[in-house]
Amino acid sequence: QAQMTESGGGSVQAGGSLRLSCVVSGYSRGDYCMGWFRQAPGKEREGVAAIRAASNGPFYANSVAGRFTIAHDKVKNIAYLQMNRLKPEETAMYYCAARFCGGLILRAEGYTNWGQGTQVTVSS
């Protein structure tokens, strides 16, 4: 199964931007999806964005649509999450995950491989 390593987290002021990266390796051939999730202490994990590798078709949570962009570089085998106009309430641990495509890909349930997470802190 796939292995993922996230990077790019950090601290920014409200309205700032960050670009997260997820190096993907060890996955088998076939149609797979990659997603970005976030979880703040005491809150449920929520889907942020996901992409189908075969078609590059993206999906976004309503709360981030228009501000975040997910992309997949097939040559470098890296998934990116560009986050713009960040809000303090979006402070959380951000995780990269992978699964074979199917079902609701913005739901954490169904993803079989997870990265260790990268912390994003947005100051007001």
C-alpha atoms as a PDB file:
ATOM      1  CA  GLN A   1       0.000   0.000   0.000  1.00  0.00           C
ATOM      2  CA  ALA A   2       0.933   3.652  -0.345  1.00  0.00           C
ATOM      3  CA  GLN A   3       3.178   5.519   2.059  1.00  0.00           C
ATOM      4  CA  MET A   4       2.860   9.291   2.508  1.00  0.00           C
ATOM      5  CA  THR A   5       5.051  11.934   4.079  1.00  0.00           C
ATOM      6  CA  GLU A   6       3.617  15.442   4.576  1.00  0.00           C
ATOM      7  CA  SER A   7       5.532  18.680   4.858  1.00  0.00           C
ATOM      8  CA  GLY A   8       4.954  22.406   4.529  1.00  0.00           C
ATOM      9  CA  GLY A   9       3.043  23.172   7.705  1.00  0.00           C
ATOM     10  CA  GLY A  10       3.870  26.138   9.871  1.00  0.00           C
ATOM     11  CA  SER A  11       2.552  29.317  11.456  1.00  0.00           C
ATOM     12  CA  VAL A  12       0.994  32.156   9.478  1.00  0.00           C
ATOM     13  CA  GLN A  13      -1.110  35.224  10.104  1.00  0.00           C
ATOM     14  CA  ALA A  14      -4.775  35.211   9.160  1.00  0.00           C
ATOM     15  CA  GLY A  15      -5.087  35.785   5.447  1.00  0.00           C
ATOM     16  CA  GLY A  16      -1.746  34.171   4.728  1.00  0.00           C
ATOM     17  CA  SER A  17      -0.918  31.167   2.593  1.00  0.00           C
ATOM     18  CA  LEU A  18       0.791  27.810   2.956  1.00  0.00           C
ATOM     19  CA  ARG A  19       1.563  25.036   0.512  1.00  0.00           C
ATOM     20  CA  LEU A  20       1.493  21.494   1.840  1.00  0.00           C
ATOM     21  CA  SER A  21       3.246  18.640   0.070  1.00  0.00           C
ATOM     22  CA  CYS A  22       2.734  14.902   0.309  1.00  0.00           C
ATOM     23  CA  VAL A  23       5.294  12.543  -1.177  1.00  0.00           C
ATOM     24  CA  VAL A  24       3.563   9.345  -2.235  1.00  0.00           C
ATOM     25  CA  SER A  25       5.423   6.083  -2.685  1.00  0.00           C
ATOM     26  CA  GLY A  26       4.894   2.355  -2.679  1.00  0.00           C
ATOM     27  CA  TYR A  27       1.396   2.304  -4.136  1.00  0.00           C
ATOM     28  CA  SER A  28       0.259  -0.279  -6.646  1.00  0.00           C
ATOM     29  CA  ARG A  29      -0.925   0.495 -10.145  1.00  0.00           C
ATOM     30  CA  GLY A  30      -4.551   1.370 -10.612  1.00  0.00           C
ATOM     31  CA  ASP A  31      -7.022   4.162  -9.990  1.00  0.00           C
ATOM     32  CA  TYR A  32      -6.408   5.759  -6.600  1.00  0.00           C
ATOM     33  CA  CYS A  33      -7.493   8.893  -4.802  1.00  0.00           C
ATOM     34  CA  MET A  34      -5.575  11.187  -2.492  1.00  0.00           C
ATOM     35  CA  GLY A  35      -7.115  13.436   0.096  1.00  0.00           C
ATOM     36  CA  TRP A  36      -6.225  16.100   2.618  1.00  0.00           C
ATOM     37  CA  PHE A  37      -7.886  16.067   6.028  1.00  0.00           C
ATOM     38  CA  ARG A  38      -7.561  18.225   9.115  1.00  0.00           C
ATOM     39  CA  GLN A  39      -8.292  17.738  12.784  1.00  0.00           C
ATOM     40  CA  ALA A  40      -8.139  20.203  15.651  1.00  0.00           C
ATOM     41  CA  PRO A  41      -7.934  19.007  19.274  1.00  0.00           C
ATOM     42  CA  GLY A  42     -11.346  17.952  20.529  1.00  0.00           C
ATOM     43  CA  LYS A  43     -12.939  18.167  17.095  1.00  0.00           C
ATOM     44  CA  GLU A  44     -13.754  15.601  14.452  1.00  0.00           C
ATOM     45  CA  ARG A  45     -11.529  14.965  11.477  1.00  0.00           C
ATOM     46  CA  GLU A  46     -12.887  16.647   8.364  1.00  0.00           C
ATOM     47  CA  GLY A  47     -12.180  16.275   4.686  1.00  0.00           C
ATOM     48  CA  VAL A  48     -10.618  19.316   3.051  1.00  0.00           C
ATOM     49  CA  ALA A  49      -9.868  18.296  -0.526  1.00  0.00           C
ATOM     50  CA  ALA A  50      -9.353  15.166  -2.589  1.00  0.00           C
ATOM     51  CA  ILE A  51      -8.253  14.293  -6.097  1.00  0.00           C
ATOM     52  CA  ARG A  52      -8.640  11.308  -8.388  1.00  0.00           C
ATOM     53  CA  ALA A  53      -5.209  10.558  -9.806  1.00  0.00           C
ATOM     54  CA  ALA A  54      -6.455   8.990 -13.031  1.00  0.00           C
ATOM     55  CA  SER A  55      -8.447  12.025 -14.142  1.00  0.00           C
ATOM     56  CA  ASN A  56      -7.072  14.804 -11.901  1.00  0.00           C
ATOM     57  CA  GLY A  57     -10.651  15.484 -10.911  1.00  0.00           C
ATOM     58  CA  PRO A  58     -10.705  17.536  -7.692  1.00  0.00           C
ATOM     59  CA  PHE A  59     -13.198  17.707  -4.858  1.00  0.00           C
ATOM     60  CA  TYR A  60     -13.362  20.385  -2.164  1.00  0.00           C
ATOM     61  CA  ALA A  61     -15.179  20.972   1.066  1.00  0.00           C
ATOM     62  CA  ASN A  62     -17.559  23.909   0.748  1.00  0.00           C
ATOM     63  CA  SER A  63     -15.645  25.773   3.443  1.00  0.00           C
ATOM     64  CA  VAL A  64     -12.427  25.891   1.402  1.00  0.00           C
ATOM     65  CA  ALA A  65     -13.704  26.020  -2.179  1.00  0.00           C
ATOM     66  CA  GLY A  66     -12.210  28.986  -3.983  1.00  0.00           C
ATOM     67  CA  ARG A  67      -9.352  29.340  -1.491  1.00  0.00           C
ATOM     68  CA  PHE A  68      -7.628  25.943  -1.555  1.00  0.00           C
ATOM     69  CA  THR A  69      -6.303  24.046  -4.563  1.00  0.00           C
ATOM     70  CA  ILE A  70      -5.309  20.384  -4.664  1.00  0.00           C
ATOM     71  CA  ALA A  71      -2.945  19.109  -7.344  1.00  0.00           C
ATOM     72  CA  HIS A  72      -1.042  15.965  -8.219  1.00  0.00           C
ATOM     73  CA  ASP A  73       2.334  15.965  -9.939  1.00  0.00           C
ATOM     74  CA  LYS A  74       2.603  12.640 -11.738  1.00  0.00           C
ATOM     75  CA  VAL A  75       6.275  13.105 -12.584  1.00  0.00           C
ATOM     76  CA  LYS A  76       7.435  13.843  -9.042  1.00  0.00           C
ATOM     77  CA  ASN A  77       4.695  11.720  -7.457  1.00  0.00           C
ATOM     78  CA  ILE A  78       3.718  14.494  -5.064  1.00  0.00           C
ATOM     79  CA  ALA A  79       0.307  15.730  -3.980  1.00  0.00           C
ATOM     80  CA  TYR A  80      -0.021  19.397  -3.076  1.00  0.00           C
ATOM     81  CA  LEU A  81      -2.502  21.483  -1.171  1.00  0.00           C
ATOM     82  CA  GLN A  82      -2.227  25.215  -1.792  1.00  0.00           C
ATOM     83  CA  MET A  83      -4.050  27.059   0.988  1.00  0.00           C
ATOM     84  CA  ASN A  84      -4.834  30.749   0.550  1.00  0.00           C
ATOM     85  CA  ARG A  85      -6.553  33.298   2.797  1.00  0.00           C
ATOM     86  CA  LEU A  86      -6.225  31.059   5.813  1.00  0.00           C
ATOM     87  CA  LYS A  87      -8.499  31.608   8.808  1.00  0.00           C
ATOM     88  CA  PRO A  88      -7.718  31.119  12.518  1.00  0.00           C
ATOM     89  CA  GLU A  89     -10.402  28.446  12.820  1.00  0.00           C
ATOM     90  CA  GLU A  90      -8.471  26.384  10.278  1.00  0.00           C
ATOM     91  CA  THR A  91      -5.670  25.790  12.767  1.00  0.00           C
ATOM     92  CA  ALA A  92      -5.306  22.013  12.856  1.00  0.00           C
ATOM     93  CA  MET A  93      -3.142  19.034  12.132  1.00  0.00           C
ATOM     94  CA  TYR A  94      -3.343  18.346   8.413  1.00  0.00           C
ATOM     95  CA  TYR A  95      -3.069  14.801   7.103  1.00  0.00           C
ATOM     96  CA  CYS A  96      -2.506  13.355   3.672  1.00  0.00           C
ATOM     97  CA  ALA A  97      -4.256  10.074   2.908  1.00  0.00           C
ATOM     98  CA  ALA A  98      -4.709   7.646   0.027  1.00  0.00           C
ATOM     99  CA  ARG A  99      -7.193   5.010  -1.029  1.00  0.00           C
ATOM    100  CA  PHE A 100      -8.399   3.181  -4.082  1.00  0.00           C
ATOM    101  CA  CYS A 101     -11.162   5.297  -5.566  1.00  0.00           C
ATOM    102  CA  GLY A 102     -14.772   4.675  -4.718  1.00  0.00           C
ATOM    103  CA  GLY A 103     -17.435   5.978  -2.394  1.00  0.00           C
ATOM    104  CA  LEU A 104     -17.288   9.432  -0.849  1.00  0.00           C
ATOM    105  CA  ILE A 105     -13.686  10.538  -1.122  1.00  0.00           C
ATOM    106  CA  LEU A 106     -14.063  13.495   1.247  1.00  0.00           C
ATOM    107  CA  ARG A 107     -14.931  11.100   4.067  1.00  0.00           C
ATOM    108  CA  ALA A 108     -12.085   9.833   6.231  1.00  0.00           C
ATOM    109  CA  GLU A 109     -13.725   6.422   6.386  1.00  0.00           C
ATOM    110  CA  GLY A 110     -12.369   4.343   3.540  1.00  0.00           C
ATOM    111  CA  TYR A 111      -8.880   5.808   3.385  1.00  0.00           C
ATOM    112  CA  THR A 112      -6.354   3.079   4.102  1.00  0.00           C
ATOM    113  CA  ASN A 113      -3.023   4.910   4.180  1.00  0.00           C
ATOM    114  CA  TRP A 114      -2.221   8.012   6.228  1.00  0.00           C
ATOM    115  CA  GLY A 115       0.720  10.310   6.694  1.00  0.00           C
ATOM    116  CA  GLN A 116       1.970  11.444  10.084  1.00  0.00           C
ATOM    117  CA  GLY A 117       0.445  14.917   9.803  1.00  0.00           C
ATOM    118  CA  THR A 118       1.816  18.438   9.601  1.00  0.00           C
ATOM    119  CA  GLN A 119       0.721  21.232  11.939  1.00  0.00           C
ATOM    120  CA  VAL A 120      -0.855  24.397  10.555  1.00  0.00           C
ATOM    121  CA  THR A 121      -1.343  27.322  12.935  1.00  0.00           C
ATOM    122  CA  VAL A 122      -3.161  30.481  11.850  1.00  0.00           C
ATOM    123  CA  SER A 123      -2.917  33.529  14.113  1.00  0.00           C
ATOM    124  CA  SER A 124      -5.642  36.174  14.297  1.00  0.00           C
END
